[in-house]
């Protein structure tokens, strides 16, 4: 779920450790929220919300309605800045490649959002409905409930969900580490290829002018001796 390039949110960034906006970015976001709040009620209704998400993301109409219903958990037909801020952070976490870190750092608020019935657990059907918001694939969701649903009731309590976020974060870090090692290895390989190519070019040049490497070295040594004798 990527942000549209050039939209307002495109220019905001999350802190890499705590996955929160800086004070400066929060102030800018508050001003942006007030601009969107055309009715000056310090809230955003479903119509404004739809046009906002349609402008900054490529989500489908159905997905936008699902997200609004999740944030409007009191079913009043509008959301405030707090819910808007959480949504923006979720969107930016994927844009900044911090999805797993965000879930780990803010596991409690995310859990409460997905706990639609207020029964202190997340049902598989509810998680399936909102998985697009967290870039979780179907197979990953199946593995999640298979590996972390300790009670076997097709629901995740908070402890089980927290364990998943810890595992997911560790897995993402290991993937980044492996990717970095592979990248460094690729750079080293490219450097060796450059040196090899450079050596071949030198040999071709010497061959073209009829001078062998041995002959060239002999000439250099001879000049060095002559300079030494003069001194």
Protein backbone atom coordinates (compact mmCIF):
# COMPACT_ATOMS: atom_id res chain seq x y z
CA UNK A 1 0.00 0.00 0.00
CA UNK A 2 2.07 2.89 -1.31
CA UNK A 3 1.44 6.60 -1.02
CA UNK A 4 0.90 8.59 -4.18
CA UNK A 5 4.06 10.44 -5.09
CA UNK A 6 3.77 14.18 -4.58
CA UNK A 7 0.94 13.99 -2.03
CA UNK A 8 1.34 15.79 1.30
CA UNK A 9 2.10 12.60 3.23
CA UNK A 10 4.87 11.76 0.76
CA UNK A 11 7.06 14.40 2.43
CA UNK A 12 6.59 13.16 6.03
CA UNK A 13 8.86 10.65 7.74
CA UNK A 14 8.63 8.44 10.82
CA UNK A 15 11.36 8.11 13.41
CA UNK A 16 13.14 4.82 12.63
CA UNK A 17 13.28 3.69 16.26
CA UNK A 18 9.94 4.69 17.78
CA UNK A 19 7.94 5.00 14.53
CA UNK A 20 6.44 8.36 15.46
CA UNK A 21 6.36 11.73 13.73
CA UNK A 22 8.63 14.53 14.84
CA UNK A 23 7.09 17.55 16.58
CA UNK A 24 7.59 19.58 13.41
CA UNK A 25 5.80 16.97 11.29
CA UNK A 26 2.96 16.69 13.82
CA UNK A 27 2.41 20.46 13.64
CA UNK A 28 2.28 20.25 9.85
CA UNK A 29 -0.15 17.32 10.06
CA UNK A 30 -2.42 19.26 12.45
CA UNK A 31 -2.57 22.14 9.99
CA UNK A 32 -3.31 19.71 7.17
CA UNK A 33 -6.12 18.13 9.21
CA UNK A 34 -7.64 21.57 9.82
CA UNK A 35 -7.55 22.28 6.10
CA UNK A 36 -9.39 19.02 5.41
CA UNK A 37 -11.91 19.85 8.15
CA UNK A 38 -14.05 22.10 5.97
CA UNK A 39 -16.90 22.09 8.52
CA UNK A 40 -14.60 23.27 11.34
CA UNK A 41 -15.77 20.57 13.74
CA UNK A 42 -12.29 19.20 14.50
CA UNK A 43 -13.47 15.97 12.86
CA UNK A 44 -13.52 14.31 9.46
CA UNK A 45 -16.67 12.63 8.15
CA UNK A 46 -16.78 9.63 5.83
CA UNK A 47 -17.01 11.75 2.66
CA UNK A 48 -13.95 13.85 3.51
CA UNK A 49 -12.14 10.73 4.65
CA UNK A 50 -12.86 8.98 1.36
CA UNK A 51 -11.52 11.84 -0.75
CA UNK A 52 -8.45 12.18 1.48
CA UNK A 53 -7.45 8.49 1.20
CA UNK A 54 -8.34 8.38 -2.47
CA UNK A 55 -5.98 11.32 -3.02
CA UNK A 56 -2.98 10.02 -1.04
CA UNK A 57 -3.26 6.23 -1.71
CA UNK A 58 -4.40 3.79 -4.37
CA UNK A 59 -6.88 2.02 -2.09
CA UNK A 60 -10.16 0.90 -3.59
CA UNK A 61 -13.47 2.44 -2.49
CA UNK A 62 -14.42 -0.67 -0.51
CA UNK A 63 -11.08 -0.69 1.31
CA UNK A 64 -11.42 2.99 2.21
CA UNK A 65 -14.86 2.35 3.73
CA UNK A 66 -13.48 -0.59 5.71
CA UNK A 67 -10.67 1.56 7.13
CA UNK A 68 -13.10 4.33 8.09
CA UNK A 69 -15.39 1.87 9.91
CA UNK A 70 -12.39 0.50 11.80
CA UNK A 71 -11.32 3.98 12.97
CA UNK A 72 -14.90 5.08 13.70
CA UNK A 73 -15.30 2.41 16.37
CA UNK A 74 -18.09 4.36 18.11
CA UNK A 75 -20.05 4.53 14.82
CA UNK A 76 -20.63 8.29 15.01
CA UNK A 77 -19.89 8.86 11.33
CA UNK A 78 -16.68 10.83 11.84
CA UNK A 79 -13.17 10.55 13.24
CA UNK A 80 -10.97 12.95 15.18
CA UNK A 81 -7.31 13.88 14.86
CA UNK A 82 -6.14 11.02 17.12
CA UNK A 83 -7.54 8.37 14.76
CA UNK A 84 -6.28 10.35 11.78
CA UNK A 85 -2.78 10.45 13.28
CA UNK A 86 -2.73 6.67 13.84
CA UNK A 87 -3.78 6.07 10.24
CA UNK A 88 -1.09 8.41 8.89
CA UNK A 89 1.56 6.61 10.94
CA UNK A 90 0.40 3.24 9.56
CA UNK A 91 0.61 4.59 6.01
CA UNK A 92 4.04 6.10 6.58
CA UNK A 93 5.37 2.93 8.23
CA UNK A 94 5.02 1.12 4.91
CA UNK A 95 6.29 4.04 2.90
CA UNK A 96 9.40 4.21 5.12
CA UNK A 97 9.79 0.38 5.19
CA UNK A 98 9.06 0.24 8.92
CA UNK A 99 5.91 -1.91 8.89
CA UNK A 100 7.16 -4.64 11.24
CA UNK A 101 8.84 -2.11 13.54
CA UNK A 102 5.62 -0.09 13.75
CA UNK A 103 3.55 -3.15 14.72
CA UNK A 104 6.09 -3.98 17.42
CA UNK A 105 6.35 -0.47 18.85
CA UNK A 106 2.60 0.16 18.76
CA UNK A 107 1.24 -3.34 19.24
CA UNK A 108 -1.35 -2.25 21.82
CA UNK A 109 -3.06 0.48 19.75
CA UNK A 110 -3.02 -1.75 16.65
CA UNK A 111 -4.45 -4.65 18.65
CA UNK A 112 -7.24 -2.42 19.98
CA UNK A 113 -8.05 -1.29 16.44
CA UNK A 114 -8.34 -4.88 15.21
CA UNK A 115 -10.33 -5.97 18.27
CA UNK A 116 -13.60 -4.90 16.65
CA UNK A 117 -15.87 -6.58 19.21
CA UNK A 118 -13.99 -5.35 22.27
CA UNK A 119 -13.53 -8.93 23.50
CA UNK A 120 -9.75 -8.60 23.97
CA UNK A 121 -8.92 -10.80 20.98
CA UNK A 122 -8.55 -10.58 17.21
CA UNK A 123 -10.58 -12.99 15.11
CA UNK A 124 -9.04 -14.47 11.98
CA UNK A 125 -11.88 -13.05 9.85
CA UNK A 126 -11.27 -9.52 11.15
CA UNK A 127 -7.54 -9.74 10.57
CA UNK A 128 -8.22 -11.05 7.07
CA UNK A 129 -10.43 -8.02 6.40
CA UNK A 130 -7.74 -5.51 7.39
CA UNK A 131 -4.55 -7.33 6.34
CA UNK A 132 -4.15 -5.04 3.30
CA UNK A 133 -3.63 -2.14 5.71
CA UNK A 134 -0.53 -3.85 7.10
CA UNK A 135 0.71 -5.42 3.85
CA UNK A 136 0.17 -8.95 5.17
CA UNK A 137 -0.36 -11.62 2.51
CA UNK A 138 -2.89 -14.47 2.81
CA UNK A 139 -0.22 -17.11 3.33
CA UNK A 140 1.50 -14.98 5.98
CA UNK A 141 -1.83 -14.59 7.80
CA UNK A 142 -2.39 -18.35 7.77
CA UNK A 143 1.10 -18.92 9.16
CA UNK A 144 0.50 -16.22 11.77
CA UNK A 145 -2.53 -17.98 13.26
CA UNK A 146 -0.94 -21.42 12.84
CA UNK A 147 2.23 -20.42 14.70
CA UNK A 148 0.94 -17.95 17.31
CA UNK A 149 -2.63 -19.01 18.06
CA UNK A 150 -1.49 -20.99 21.11
CA UNK A 151 -5.03 -21.58 22.40
CA UNK A 152 -6.19 -22.88 19.01
CA UNK A 153 -9.45 -20.91 18.97
CA UNK A 154 -8.72 -19.02 15.70
CA UNK A 155 -8.26 -15.86 17.75
CA UNK A 156 -5.24 -13.95 18.96
CA UNK A 157 -5.13 -12.46 22.43
CA UNK A 158 -2.77 -9.59 23.11
CA UNK A 159 0.13 -11.78 24.31
CA UNK A 160 -0.08 -13.92 21.17
CA UNK A 161 -0.26 -10.84 18.97
CA UNK A 162 2.72 -9.28 20.78
CA UNK A 163 4.75 -12.45 20.22
CA UNK A 164 3.96 -12.23 16.52
CA UNK A 165 5.18 -8.61 16.33
CA UNK A 166 8.45 -9.56 18.09
CA UNK A 167 9.03 -12.48 15.73
CA UNK A 168 8.10 -10.40 12.69
CA UNK A 169 10.53 -7.63 13.70
CA UNK A 170 13.40 -10.07 14.28
CA UNK A 171 12.69 -11.72 10.92
CA UNK A 172 12.71 -8.35 9.13
CA UNK A 173 16.02 -7.37 10.78
CA UNK A 174 17.61 -10.67 9.78
CA UNK A 175 16.38 -10.18 6.22
CA UNK A 176 17.91 -6.69 6.17
CA UNK A 177 21.20 -8.06 7.54
CA UNK A 178 21.36 -10.78 4.89
CA UNK A 179 20.48 -8.25 2.20
CA UNK A 180 23.26 -5.95 3.39
CA UNK A 181 25.81 -8.79 3.38
CA UNK A 182 24.74 -9.82 -0.12
CA UNK A 183 24.94 -6.21 -1.28
CA UNK A 184 28.45 -5.82 0.12
CA UNK A 185 29.45 -9.12 -1.52
CA UNK A 186 28.03 -7.92 -4.83
CA UNK A 187 29.95 -4.65 -4.57
CA UNK A 188 33.17 -6.55 -3.85
CA UNK A 189 32.50 -8.82 -6.84
CA UNK A 190 31.90 -5.82 -9.10
CA UNK A 191 35.14 -4.22 -7.89
CA UNK A 192 37.09 -7.38 -8.75
CA UNK A 193 35.47 -7.47 -12.18
CA UNK A 194 36.50 -3.85 -12.75
CA UNK A 195 40.10 -4.60 -11.76
CA UNK A 196 40.15 -7.65 -14.03
CA UNK A 197 38.77 -5.63 -16.94
CA UNK A 198 41.28 -2.86 -16.29
CA UNK A 199 44.14 -5.39 -16.33
CA UNK A 200 42.91 -6.85 -19.63
CA UNK A 201 42.69 -3.39 -21.18
CA UNK A 202 46.27 -2.60 -20.14
CA UNK A 203 47.49 -5.86 -21.65
CA UNK A 204 45.68 -5.11 -24.92
CA UNK A 205 47.15 -1.61 -25.06
CA UNK A 206 50.66 -2.91 -24.49
CA UNK A 207 50.19 -5.60 -27.09
CA UNK A 208 48.85 -3.01 -29.55
CA UNK A 209 52.00 -0.84 -29.24
CA UNK A 210 54.24 -3.91 -29.33
CA UNK A 211 55.48 -3.66 -25.75
CA UNK A 212 55.33 -6.57 -23.32
CA UNK A 213 54.78 -6.09 -19.61
CA UNK A 214 58.27 -7.43 -18.93
CA UNK A 215 59.79 -5.00 -21.42
CA UNK A 216 57.87 -2.11 -19.88
CA UNK A 217 59.09 -3.02 -16.40
CA UNK A 218 62.67 -3.28 -17.67
CA UNK A 219 62.44 0.21 -19.19
CA UNK A 220 61.06 1.65 -15.96
CA UNK A 221 63.82 0.02 -13.91
CA UNK A 222 66.46 1.24 -16.37
CA UNK A 223 65.23 4.83 -16.10
CA UNK A 224 65.22 4.56 -12.32
CA UNK A 225 68.88 3.37 -12.32
CA UNK A 226 69.93 6.21 -14.67
CA UNK A 227 68.27 8.80 -12.41
CA UNK A 228 70.02 7.25 -9.40
CA UNK A 229 73.43 7.43 -11.10
CA UNK A 230 72.91 11.08 -12.02
CA UNK A 231 72.16 11.88 -8.38
